[in-house]
Amino acid sequence: MTAPSPGRVAPRLNIGDALHDGWQAFCRTPGTFLLFAILLWGLQIGFQLLQSRLGADGGFSNRPSDWLLALVGLVGAIASYLWGRIGIVRGALRSLDGHRPRFIELCRWDDGPILRLFWSSLLLNVLQVGAILLILLGVGGPLLYRAYQSPSGGGGGLPGRDLVLIVLLVLLVLLLGLWLVAVIYLRVNQQFLGQIALNEELAPWATVQRGRTLADPHWPLLLLLLLIESMLCLFGVLACFVGFFVAWPVVLCISTAAYRQLLVLEAAKRPASGASPAA
């Protein structure tokens, strides 16, 4: 990546530079990225086939061997995805530094970054799933109970009952809307989870907080970048899915280029914040 000089650092993320630098990083050694992506998704298909053993006969299998194979498939699918994401990010960082990453470098298994990515991703999923369960149980449950509760006696209690239903329904819709906004917010500012897990040795919660610190000042631009990356992946899938083998490494290279930009911007702000005011 061509980093801006300290005296000419742009005040915010430059999406055009991120797209250009990420594409150049991929083009520096496209065969390596493409071959690794094909290997990764081949493993994913194999592990998915193991998981499908549970429902091979039209229902859940009662054979212990099928359950064991399904468990191996689930663990293997998660592990291979984490390994693949860290591998491509490692290659992207090397390529952005002007090197030509080798296939063996992408294939290297790094316990530390993979575990950090796993635990921080698990923490995010637990927070999101836990929040939606609290909303459904705390508001959705009483709403269903009131909706299906038989009216007691005559019709005198119906207006009050209808009012409670309306209040619960409005509250449920508002909470679900807030949950969706929170999910979108986290999706945007946690898009550098793999880069942070590889480049910075932090605990799971600190990794999540690091993503917020790095991304929040540029959140609108990162939302636009995420939309562009999603469109690239969609075009890859529409191209008979073969294009996805190219789109996924390209997107990770672009994301890594944006991450490097944010590091440069963050480093440029530190001297200014610590400098003493002029007399």
Protein backbone atom coordinates (compact mmCIF):
# COMPACT_ATOMS: atom_id res chain seq x y z
CA MET A 1 0.00 0.00 0.00
CA THR A 2 1.16 3.49 -0.74
CA ALA A 3 0.75 5.14 2.63
CA PRO A 4 0.33 8.88 2.72
CA SER A 5 3.21 10.82 4.14
CA PRO A 6 2.75 12.12 7.70
CA GLY A 7 2.47 15.71 6.56
CA ARG A 8 -0.22 14.94 3.97
CA VAL A 9 -2.49 12.49 5.78
CA ALA A 10 -6.10 12.80 4.65
CA PRO A 11 -8.54 13.65 7.47
CA ARG A 12 -10.75 10.63 6.76
CA LEU A 13 -10.89 7.27 5.06
CA ASN A 14 -10.46 7.39 1.29
CA ILE A 15 -12.64 4.65 -0.21
CA GLY A 16 -11.12 5.10 -3.65
CA ASP A 17 -7.63 4.45 -2.30
CA ALA A 18 -8.87 1.41 -0.35
CA LEU A 19 -10.43 -0.06 -3.50
CA HIS A 20 -7.33 0.69 -5.59
CA ASP A 21 -4.82 -0.57 -3.03
CA GLY A 22 -6.86 -3.68 -2.26
CA TRP A 23 -7.18 -4.56 -5.95
CA GLN A 24 -3.47 -3.99 -6.49
CA ALA A 25 -2.68 -6.22 -3.51
CA PHE A 26 -4.77 -9.00 -5.06
CA CYS A 27 -3.26 -8.49 -8.52
CA ARG A 28 0.28 -8.75 -7.13
CA THR A 29 -0.25 -12.50 -6.77
CA PRO A 30 -3.78 -13.46 -7.93
CA GLY A 31 -2.99 -17.14 -8.44
CA THR A 32 -2.04 -17.58 -4.78
CA PHE A 33 -5.24 -15.97 -3.50
CA LEU A 34 -7.42 -17.81 -6.01
CA LEU A 35 -5.89 -21.22 -5.27
CA PHE A 36 -6.23 -20.69 -1.53
CA ALA A 37 -9.88 -19.61 -1.89
CA ILE A 38 -10.64 -22.74 -3.95
CA LEU A 39 -8.94 -24.92 -1.34
CA LEU A 40 -10.87 -23.25 1.47
CA TRP A 41 -14.28 -23.59 -0.12
CA GLY A 42 -13.49 -27.16 -1.15
CA LEU A 43 -12.93 -27.91 2.53
CA GLN A 44 -16.17 -26.10 3.39
CA ILE A 45 -18.13 -28.27 0.95
CA GLY A 46 -16.55 -31.42 2.37
CA PHE A 47 -17.42 -30.45 5.94
CA GLN A 48 -20.97 -29.54 4.89
CA LEU A 49 -21.35 -33.03 3.42
CA LEU A 50 -20.33 -34.50 6.78
CA GLN A 51 -22.96 -32.40 8.53
CA SER A 52 -25.62 -33.49 6.06
CA ARG A 53 -25.25 -37.08 7.29
CA LEU A 54 -27.69 -36.22 10.08
CA GLY A 55 -30.54 -35.74 7.63
CA ALA A 56 -29.51 -38.17 4.89
CA ASP A 57 -32.63 -40.36 5.27
CA GLY A 58 -35.20 -37.58 5.42
CA GLY A 59 -35.04 -37.26 9.21
CA PHE A 60 -32.53 -37.03 12.01
CA SER A 61 -30.25 -40.04 12.08
CA ASN A 62 -30.11 -42.13 15.26
CA ARG A 63 -26.68 -43.55 14.47
CA PRO A 64 -23.92 -42.28 16.78
CA SER A 65 -21.42 -42.36 13.90
CA ASP A 66 -23.51 -39.85 11.92
CA TRP A 67 -23.69 -37.52 14.91
CA LEU A 68 -19.94 -37.80 15.38
CA LEU A 69 -19.28 -37.05 11.71
CA ALA A 70 -21.69 -34.10 11.85
CA LEU A 71 -19.83 -32.73 14.87
CA VAL A 72 -16.51 -33.14 13.05
CA GLY A 73 -18.04 -31.34 10.06
CA LEU A 74 -19.29 -28.45 12.19
CA VAL A 75 -15.97 -27.97 14.00
CA GLY A 76 -14.06 -28.36 10.74
CA ALA A 77 -16.24 -25.82 8.92
CA ILE A 78 -15.76 -23.20 11.65
CA ALA A 79 -12.03 -23.87 12.00
CA SER A 80 -11.40 -23.82 8.24
CA TYR A 81 -13.31 -20.56 7.82
CA LEU A 82 -11.33 -18.86 10.60
CA TRP A 83 -8.07 -20.29 9.22
CA GLY A 84 -8.95 -19.14 5.71
CA ARG A 85 -9.91 -15.63 6.74
CA ILE A 86 -6.73 -15.16 8.76
CA GLY A 87 -4.68 -16.63 5.90
CA ILE A 88 -6.06 -14.24 3.28
CA VAL A 89 -5.68 -11.24 5.62
CA ARG A 90 -2.06 -12.28 6.26
CA GLY A 91 -1.46 -12.48 2.52
CA ALA A 92 -3.17 -9.12 1.98
CA LEU A 93 -0.97 -7.44 4.59
CA ARG A 94 2.14 -8.90 2.97
CA SER A 95 1.01 -7.81 -0.48
CA LEU A 96 0.15 -4.30 0.71
CA ASP A 97 3.73 -4.07 1.99
CA GLY A 98 4.96 -4.73 -1.55
CA HIS A 99 5.74 -8.45 -1.18
CA ARG A 100 4.37 -11.40 -3.14
CA PRO A 101 2.90 -13.74 -0.52
CA ARG A 102 3.49 -17.42 -1.12
CA PHE A 103 0.78 -20.06 -0.94
CA ILE A 104 2.45 -21.69 2.06
CA GLU A 105 2.25 -18.38 3.96
CA LEU A 106 -1.51 -18.26 3.53
CA CYS A 107 -1.81 -21.90 4.63
CA ARG A 108 0.11 -21.42 7.87
CA TRP A 109 -1.92 -22.21 11.00
CA ASP A 110 -1.55 -19.53 13.70
CA ASP A 111 -3.20 -20.52 16.97
CA GLY A 112 -3.15 -17.03 18.47
CA PRO A 113 -4.93 -15.04 15.72
CA ILE A 114 -7.39 -17.85 14.95
CA LEU A 115 -8.40 -18.21 18.60
CA ARG A 116 -8.68 -14.44 19.02
CA LEU A 117 -10.92 -14.27 15.95
CA PHE A 118 -13.00 -17.19 17.22
CA TRP A 119 -13.57 -15.82 20.73
CA SER A 120 -14.31 -12.27 19.59
CA SER A 121 -16.73 -13.55 16.90
CA LEU A 122 -18.39 -15.80 19.46
CA LEU A 123 -18.74 -12.86 21.85
CA LEU A 124 -20.44 -10.76 19.18
CA ASN A 125 -22.82 -13.58 18.25
CA VAL A 126 -23.69 -14.22 21.90
CA LEU A 127 -24.46 -10.52 22.43
CA GLN A 128 -26.69 -10.36 19.34
CA VAL A 129 -28.51 -13.65 19.95
CA GLY A 130 -28.86 -12.92 23.67
CA ALA A 131 -30.41 -9.52 22.95
CA ILE A 132 -32.98 -10.92 20.50
CA LEU A 133 -33.88 -13.72 22.93
CA LEU A 134 -34.42 -11.20 25.73
CA ILE A 135 -36.70 -9.16 23.47
CA LEU A 136 -38.71 -12.18 22.32
CA LEU A 137 -39.05 -13.65 25.80
CA GLY A 138 -39.57 -10.37 27.65
CA VAL A 139 -42.05 -8.77 25.24
CA GLY A 140 -42.98 -11.36 22.62
CA GLY A 141 -43.94 -13.95 25.25
CA PRO A 142 -46.39 -11.70 27.13
CA LEU A 143 -47.75 -10.49 23.78
CA LEU A 144 -48.57 -14.02 22.65
CA TYR A 145 -50.02 -14.86 26.05
CA ARG A 146 -52.34 -11.84 25.96
CA ALA A 147 -53.26 -12.47 22.32
CA TYR A 148 -54.35 -16.06 22.90
CA GLN A 149 -55.80 -15.55 26.35
CA SER A 150 -59.51 -16.24 26.43
CA PRO A 151 -61.60 -13.18 27.29
CA SER A 152 -62.88 -13.46 30.83
CA GLY A 153 -66.60 -13.09 31.39
CA GLY A 154 -68.32 -10.46 29.29
CA GLY A 155 -66.92 -7.88 26.94
CA GLY A 156 -66.18 -5.27 29.60
CA GLY A 157 -62.51 -6.21 29.76
CA LEU A 158 -61.87 -6.16 26.02
CA PRO A 159 -60.91 -2.48 25.55
CA GLY A 160 -58.24 -2.69 28.25
CA ARG A 161 -57.04 -6.01 26.87
CA ASP A 162 -56.76 -4.54 23.37
CA LEU A 163 -54.82 -1.58 24.72
CA VAL A 164 -52.30 -3.87 26.41
CA LEU A 165 -51.90 -5.84 23.17
CA ILE A 166 -51.31 -2.65 21.18
CA VAL A 167 -48.74 -1.38 23.68
CA LEU A 168 -46.89 -4.70 23.69
CA LEU A 169 -46.95 -4.90 19.90
CA VAL A 170 -45.60 -1.36 19.49
CA LEU A 171 -42.92 -2.04 22.10
CA LEU A 172 -41.92 -5.27 20.33
CA VAL A 173 -41.63 -3.51 16.96
CA LEU A 174 -39.55 -0.70 18.48
CA LEU A 175 -37.20 -3.10 20.26
CA LEU A 176 -36.77 -5.24 17.15
CA GLY A 177 -36.00 -2.08 15.15
CA LEU A 178 -33.40 -1.01 17.72
CA TRP A 179 -31.90 -4.51 17.65
CA LEU A 180 -31.64 -4.39 13.85
CA VAL A 181 -29.96 -0.97 14.00
CA ALA A 182 -27.50 -2.31 16.60
CA VAL A 183 -26.71 -5.34 14.39
CA ILE A 184 -26.02 -3.09 11.39
CA TYR A 185 -23.88 -0.82 13.56
CA LEU A 186 -21.82 -3.77 14.82
CA ARG A 187 -21.54 -5.29 11.37
CA VAL A 188 -19.96 -2.10 10.08
CA ASN A 189 -17.53 -1.36 12.90
CA GLN A 190 -16.52 -4.99 13.37
CA GLN A 191 -15.59 -5.65 9.74
CA PHE A 192 -11.88 -5.51 10.68
CA LEU A 193 -12.14 -8.30 13.24
CA GLY A 194 -9.80 -10.57 11.28
CA GLN A 195 -7.22 -7.84 10.74
CA ILE A 196 -7.23 -6.86 14.43
CA ALA A 197 -7.06 -10.51 15.55
CA LEU A 198 -4.00 -11.06 13.35
CA ASN A 199 -2.22 -7.77 13.88
CA GLU A 200 -2.99 -6.94 17.53
CA GLU A 201 -2.83 -9.28 20.53
CA LEU A 202 -5.97 -8.36 22.47
CA ALA A 203 -8.54 -10.17 24.59
CA PRO A 204 -11.97 -10.84 22.99
CA TRP A 205 -13.75 -7.84 24.52
CA ALA A 206 -10.74 -5.60 23.87
CA THR A 207 -10.75 -6.77 20.24
CA VAL A 208 -14.39 -5.75 19.87
CA GLN A 209 -13.70 -2.41 21.55
CA ARG A 210 -10.69 -1.88 19.30
CA GLY A 211 -12.93 -2.31 16.26
CA ARG A 212 -15.27 0.37 17.59
CA THR A 213 -12.42 2.77 18.38
CA LEU A 214 -10.94 2.35 14.93
CA ALA A 215 -14.15 2.44 12.89
CA ASP A 216 -16.58 4.76 14.70
CA PRO A 217 -15.01 8.05 13.48
CA HIS A 218 -15.44 6.82 9.88
CA TRP A 219 -18.68 4.84 10.30
CA PRO A 220 -20.68 6.33 7.37
CA LEU A 221 -17.79 5.79 4.95
CA LEU A 222 -17.27 2.25 6.25
CA LEU A 223 -20.96 1.54 5.73
CA LEU A 224 -20.55 2.60 2.10
CA LEU A 225 -17.42 0.46 1.79
CA LEU A 226 -19.27 -2.54 3.24
CA LEU A 227 -22.09 -2.06 0.72
CA ILE A 228 -19.56 -1.97 -2.13
CA GLU A 229 -17.87 -5.12 -0.84
CA SER A 230 -21.24 -6.86 -0.51
CA MET A 231 -22.06 -5.98 -4.12
CA LEU A 232 -18.73 -7.41 -5.25
CA CYS A 233 -19.47 -10.68 -3.43
CA LEU A 234 -22.98 -10.74 -4.91
CA PHE A 235 -21.62 -10.28 -8.43
CA GLY A 236 -19.18 -13.11 -7.72
CA VAL A 237 -22.01 -15.43 -6.70
CA LEU A 238 -24.09 -14.47 -9.73
CA ALA A 239 -21.17 -15.27 -12.03
CA CYS A 240 -21.97 -18.99 -11.75
CA PHE A 241 -20.49 -18.82 -8.22
CA VAL A 242 -17.01 -19.20 -9.75
CA GLY A 243 -16.51 -15.46 -9.46
CA PHE A 244 -16.86 -15.73 -5.69
CA PHE A 245 -13.44 -17.40 -5.56
CA VAL A 246 -12.07 -14.10 -6.85
CA ALA A 247 -14.50 -11.72 -5.12
CA TRP A 248 -13.91 -12.98 -1.57
CA PRO A 249 -10.09 -12.52 -1.57
CA VAL A 250 -10.49 -9.18 -3.34
CA VAL A 251 -12.97 -7.98 -0.71
CA LEU A 252 -10.66 -9.04 2.13
CA CYS A 253 -7.74 -7.26 0.43
CA ILE A 254 -9.86 -4.10 0.11
CA SER A 255 -10.93 -4.36 3.75
CA THR A 256 -7.32 -4.84 4.82
CA ALA A 257 -6.26 -1.79 2.78
CA ALA A 258 -8.95 0.25 4.55
CA TYR A 259 -7.70 -1.08 7.91
CA ARG A 260 -4.18 0.05 7.06
CA GLN A 261 -5.52 3.48 6.14
CA LEU A 262 -7.27 3.76 9.51
CA LEU A 263 -4.04 2.85 11.30
CA VAL A 264 -2.23 5.61 9.43
CA LEU A 265 -4.97 8.13 10.29
CA GLU A 266 -4.92 7.05 13.93
CA ALA A 267 -1.13 7.37 14.14
CA ALA A 268 -1.26 10.83 12.53
CA LYS A 269 -3.70 12.08 15.17
CA ARG A 270 -1.65 10.99 18.18
CA PRO A 271 1.11 13.67 17.95
CA ALA A 272 -1.50 16.37 17.41
CA SER A 273 -3.51 15.30 20.46
CA GLY A 274 -0.41 15.07 22.64
CA ALA A 275 1.24 18.27 21.45
CA SER A 276 1.29 21.19 23.82
CA PRO A 277 -0.61 24.28 22.70
CA ALA A 278 1.41 27.06 21.17
CA ALA A 279 2.20 29.99 23.42
